[in-house]
Amino acid sequence: MNKKFYITAAIPYVNSLPHVGHVLEFVQADVIARHHKLLGADKKIRVPI
């Protein structure tokens, strides 16, 4: 049985320069999505890049 799984990351705002925290959030979202895909979940990922 495939469970549906949806993950998203926050929108990077332009009120400051990009920093490592932005990349960290996107990488964490990707790792979690790949983990759930390996477990057989029907995943959707929305990362605003």
PDB file of N, CA and C in Angstrom:
ATOM      1  N   MET A   1       0.841  -1.183   0.000  1.00  0.00           N
ATOM      2  CA  MET A   1       0.000   0.000   0.000  1.00  0.00           C
ATOM      3  C   MET A   1       0.884   1.244   0.000  1.00  0.00           C
ATOM      4  N   ASN A   2       0.663   2.117  -0.947  1.00  0.00           N
ATOM      5  CA  ASN A   2       1.426   3.356  -1.023  1.00  0.00           C
ATOM      6  C   ASN A   2       0.740   4.449  -0.224  1.00  0.00           C
ATOM      7  N   LYS A   3       1.454   4.990   0.737  1.00  0.00           N
ATOM      8  CA  LYS A   3       0.941   6.133   1.479  1.00  0.00           C
ATOM      9  C   LYS A   3       1.379   7.393   0.758  1.00  0.00           C
ATOM     10  N   LYS A   4       0.503   8.376   0.731  1.00  0.00           N
ATOM     11  CA  LYS A   4       0.860   9.644   0.106  1.00  0.00           C
ATOM     12  C   LYS A   4       1.663  10.475   1.094  1.00  0.00           C
ATOM     13  N   PHE A   5       2.681  11.142   0.584  1.00  0.00           N
ATOM     14  CA  PHE A   5       3.558  11.951   1.420  1.00  0.00           C
ATOM     15  C   PHE A   5       3.888  13.220   0.665  1.00  0.00           C
ATOM     16  N   TYR A   6       3.684  14.354   1.301  1.00  0.00           N
ATOM     17  CA  TYR A   6       3.938  15.653   0.677  1.00  0.00           C
ATOM     18  C   TYR A   6       4.910  16.423   1.547  1.00  0.00           C
ATOM     19  N   ILE A   7       5.962  16.946   0.949  1.00  0.00           N
ATOM     20  CA  ILE A   7       6.955  17.723   1.689  1.00  0.00           C
ATOM     21  C   ILE A   7       7.234  19.010   0.933  1.00  0.00           C
ATOM     22  N   THR A   8       7.470  20.066   1.668  1.00  0.00           N
ATOM     23  CA  THR A   8       7.771  21.352   1.058  1.00  0.00           C
ATOM     24  C   THR A   8       8.841  22.064   1.878  1.00  0.00           C
ATOM     25  N   ALA A   9       9.467  23.026   1.276  1.00  0.00           N
ATOM     26  CA  ALA A   9      10.453  23.862   1.965  1.00  0.00           C
ATOM     27  C   ALA A   9       9.978  25.308   1.888  1.00  0.00           C
ATOM     28  N   ALA A  10      10.441  26.106   2.805  1.00  0.00           N
ATOM     29  CA  ALA A  10      10.028  27.507   2.853  1.00  0.00           C
ATOM     30  C   ALA A  10      10.591  28.286   1.662  1.00  0.00           C
ATOM     31  N   ILE A  11       9.910  29.343   1.317  1.00  0.00           N
ATOM     32  CA  ILE A  11      10.344  30.208   0.227  1.00  0.00           C
ATOM     33  C   ILE A  11      11.501  31.078   0.724  1.00  0.00           C
ATOM     34  N   PRO A  12      12.622  31.117   0.009  1.00  0.00           N
ATOM     35  CA  PRO A  12      13.710  32.007   0.432  1.00  0.00           C
ATOM     36  C   PRO A  12      13.354  33.464   0.115  1.00  0.00           C
ATOM     37  N   TYR A  13      13.262  34.268   1.141  1.00  0.00           N
ATOM     38  CA  TYR A  13      12.905  35.672   0.953  1.00  0.00           C
ATOM     39  C   TYR A  13      14.120  36.481   0.511  1.00  0.00           C
ATOM     40  N   VAL A  14      13.886  37.582  -0.175  1.00  0.00           N
ATOM     41  CA  VAL A  14      14.976  38.379  -0.739  1.00  0.00           C
ATOM     42  C   VAL A  14      15.363  39.559   0.151  1.00  0.00           C
ATOM     43  N   ASN A  15      14.982  39.519   1.419  1.00  0.00           N
ATOM     44  CA  ASN A  15      15.336  40.621   2.303  1.00  0.00           C
ATOM     45  C   ASN A  15      16.744  40.476   2.876  1.00  0.00           C
ATOM     46  N   SER A  16      17.458  39.434   2.494  1.00  0.00           N
ATOM     47  CA  SER A  16      18.821  39.215   2.964  1.00  0.00           C
ATOM     48  C   SER A  16      19.569  38.384   1.917  1.00  0.00           C
ATOM     49  N   LEU A  17      20.863  38.284   2.095  1.00  0.00           N
ATOM     50  CA  LEU A  17      21.669  37.470   1.184  1.00  0.00           C
ATOM     51  C   LEU A  17      21.430  35.981   1.440  1.00  0.00           C
ATOM     52  N   PRO A  18      21.549  35.153   0.405  1.00  0.00           N
ATOM     53  CA  PRO A  18      21.433  33.705   0.613  1.00  0.00           C
ATOM     54  C   PRO A  18      22.544  33.211   1.544  1.00  0.00           C
ATOM     55  N   HIS A  19      22.226  32.195   2.326  1.00  0.00           N
ATOM     56  CA  HIS A  19      23.219  31.657   3.249  1.00  0.00           C
ATOM     57  C   HIS A  19      23.076  30.144   3.330  1.00  0.00           C
ATOM     58  N   VAL A  20      23.929  29.515   4.109  1.00  0.00           N
ATOM     59  CA  VAL A  20      23.976  28.057   4.199  1.00  0.00           C
ATOM     60  C   VAL A  20      22.663  27.490   4.740  1.00  0.00           C
ATOM     61  N   GLY A  21      21.942  28.246   5.537  1.00  0.00           N
ATOM     62  CA  GLY A  21      20.671  27.775   6.078  1.00  0.00           C
ATOM     63  C   GLY A  21      19.655  27.462   4.998  1.00  0.00           C
ATOM     64  N   HIS A  22      19.662  28.232   3.913  1.00  0.00           N
ATOM     65  CA  HIS A  22      18.751  27.955   2.803  1.00  0.00           C
ATOM     66  C   HIS A  22      19.084  26.601   2.169  1.00  0.00           C
ATOM     67  N   VAL A  23      20.348  26.386   1.906  1.00  0.00           N
ATOM     68  CA  VAL A  23      20.784  25.128   1.293  1.00  0.00           C
ATOM     69  C   VAL A  23      20.483  23.956   2.219  1.00  0.00           C
ATOM     70  N   LEU A  24      20.716  24.142   3.512  1.00  0.00           N
ATOM     71  CA  LEU A  24      20.462  23.081   4.482  1.00  0.00           C
ATOM     72  C   LEU A  24      19.002  22.644   4.445  1.00  0.00           C
ATOM     73  N   GLU A  25      18.095  23.590   4.394  1.00  0.00           N
ATOM     74  CA  GLU A  25      16.670  23.260   4.359  1.00  0.00           C
ATOM     75  C   GLU A  25      16.308  22.479   3.095  1.00  0.00           C
ATOM     76  N   PHE A  26      16.835  22.889   1.944  1.00  0.00           N
ATOM     77  CA  PHE A  26      16.538  22.192   0.689  1.00  0.00           C
ATOM     78  C   PHE A  26      17.122  20.782   0.688  1.00  0.00           C
ATOM     79  N   VAL A  27      18.323  20.626   1.219  1.00  0.00           N
ATOM     80  CA  VAL A  27      18.951  19.302   1.274  1.00  0.00           C
ATOM     81  C   VAL A  27      18.179  18.389   2.224  1.00  0.00           C
ATOM     82  N   GLN A  28      17.762  18.923   3.376  1.00  0.00           N
ATOM     83  CA  GLN A  28      16.985  18.112   4.317  1.00  0.00           C
ATOM     84  C   GLN A  28      15.669  17.654   3.696  1.00  0.00           C
ATOM     85  N   ALA A  29      14.989  18.538   2.989  1.00  0.00           N
ATOM     86  CA  ALA A  29      13.730  18.169   2.334  1.00  0.00           C
ATOM     87  C   ALA A  29      13.970  17.078   1.295  1.00  0.00           C
ATOM     88  N   ASP A  30      15.059  17.181   0.546  1.00  0.00           N
ATOM     89  CA  ASP A  30      15.373  16.182  -0.475  1.00  0.00           C
ATOM     90  C   ASP A  30      15.696  14.829   0.152  1.00  0.00           C
ATOM     91  N   VAL A  31      16.460  14.837   1.242  1.00  0.00           N
ATOM     92  CA  VAL A  31      16.823  13.583   1.913  1.00  0.00           C
ATOM     93  C   VAL A  31      15.576  12.890   2.460  1.00  0.00           C
ATOM     94  N   ILE A  32      14.686  13.653   3.086  1.00  0.00           N
ATOM     95  CA  ILE A  32      13.457  13.069   3.627  1.00  0.00           C
ATOM     96  C   ILE A  32      12.593  12.506   2.499  1.00  0.00           C
ATOM     97  N   ALA A  33      12.494  13.234   1.392  1.00  0.00           N
ATOM     98  CA  ALA A  33      11.696  12.762   0.257  1.00  0.00           C
ATOM     99  C   ALA A  33      12.270  11.474  -0.323  1.00  0.00           C
ATOM    100  N   ARG A  34      13.582  11.403  -0.460  1.00  0.00           N
ATOM    101  CA  ARG A  34      14.203  10.185  -1.004  1.00  0.00           C
ATOM    102  C   ARG A  34      14.023   9.000  -0.057  1.00  0.00           C
ATOM    103  N   HIS A  35      14.082   9.264   1.244  1.00  0.00           N
ATOM    104  CA  HIS A  35      13.880   8.206   2.237  1.00  0.00           C
ATOM    105  C   HIS A  35      12.470   7.625   2.112  1.00  0.00           C
ATOM    106  N   HIS A  36      11.478   8.489   2.010  1.00  0.00           N
ATOM    107  CA  HIS A  36      10.103   8.016   1.883  1.00  0.00           C
ATOM    108  C   HIS A  36       9.873   7.309   0.543  1.00  0.00           C
ATOM    109  N   LYS A  37      10.582   7.736  -0.489  1.00  0.00           N
ATOM    110  CA  LYS A  37      10.468   7.048  -1.781  1.00  0.00           C
ATOM    111  C   LYS A  37      11.011   5.623  -1.671  1.00  0.00           C
ATOM    112  N   LEU A  38      12.128   5.456  -0.951  1.00  0.00           N
ATOM    113  CA  LEU A  38      12.678   4.115  -0.756  1.00  0.00           C
ATOM    114  C   LEU A  38      11.726   3.221   0.034  1.00  0.00           C
ATOM    115  N   LEU A  39      10.941   3.828   0.927  1.00  0.00           N
ATOM    116  CA  LEU A  39       9.974   3.062   1.716  1.00  0.00           C
ATOM    117  C   LEU A  39       8.701   2.761   0.933  1.00  0.00           C
ATOM    118  N   GLY A  40       8.587   3.316  -0.273  1.00  0.00           N
ATOM    119  CA  GLY A  40       7.450   3.018  -1.128  1.00  0.00           C
ATOM    120  C   GLY A  40       6.330   4.031  -1.079  1.00  0.00           C
ATOM    121  N   ALA A  41       6.566   5.174  -0.500  1.00  0.00           N
ATOM    122  CA  ALA A  41       5.521   6.192  -0.412  1.00  0.00           C
ATOM    123  C   ALA A  41       5.348   6.894  -1.758  1.00  0.00           C
ATOM    124  N   ASP A  42       4.128   7.315  -2.021  1.00  0.00           N
ATOM    125  CA  ASP A  42       3.833   8.128  -3.198  1.00  0.00           C
ATOM    126  C   ASP A  42       4.124   9.566  -2.799  1.00  0.00           C
ATOM    127  N   LYS A  43       5.317  10.037  -3.095  1.00  0.00           N
ATOM    128  CA  LYS A  43       5.763  11.327  -2.572  1.00  0.00           C
ATOM    129  C   LYS A  43       5.608  12.446  -3.581  1.00  0.00           C
ATOM    130  N   LYS A  44       5.391  13.613  -3.057  1.00  0.00           N
ATOM    131  CA  LYS A  44       5.415  14.845  -3.837  1.00  0.00           C
ATOM    132  C   LYS A  44       6.336  15.792  -3.087  1.00  0.00           C
ATOM    133  N   ILE A  45       7.209  16.472  -3.813  1.00  0.00           N
ATOM    134  CA  ILE A  45       8.103  17.432  -3.181  1.00  0.00           C
ATOM    135  C   ILE A  45       8.002  18.753  -3.920  1.00  0.00           C
ATOM    136  N   ARG A  46       7.890  19.813  -3.161  1.00  0.00           N
ATOM    137  CA  ARG A  46       7.832  21.158  -3.717  1.00  0.00           C
ATOM    138  C   ARG A  46       8.921  21.977  -3.040  1.00  0.00           C
ATOM    139  N   VAL A  47       9.979  22.223  -3.760  1.00  0.00           N
ATOM    140  CA  VAL A  47      11.065  23.045  -3.239  1.00  0.00           C
ATOM    141  C   VAL A  47      11.202  24.254  -4.142  1.00  0.00           C
ATOM    142  N   PRO A  48      10.930  25.440  -3.606  1.00  0.00           N
ATOM    143  CA  PRO A  48      10.996  26.649  -4.436  1.00  0.00           C
ATOM    144  C   PRO A  48      12.430  27.075  -4.702  1.00  0.00           C
ATOM    145  N   ILE A  49      12.922  26.793  -5.898  1.00  0.00           N
ATOM    146  CA  ILE A  49      14.294  27.196  -6.244  1.00  0.00           C
ATOM    147  C   ILE A  49      14.238  28.146  -7.414  1.00  0.00           C
TER     148      ILE A  49
END
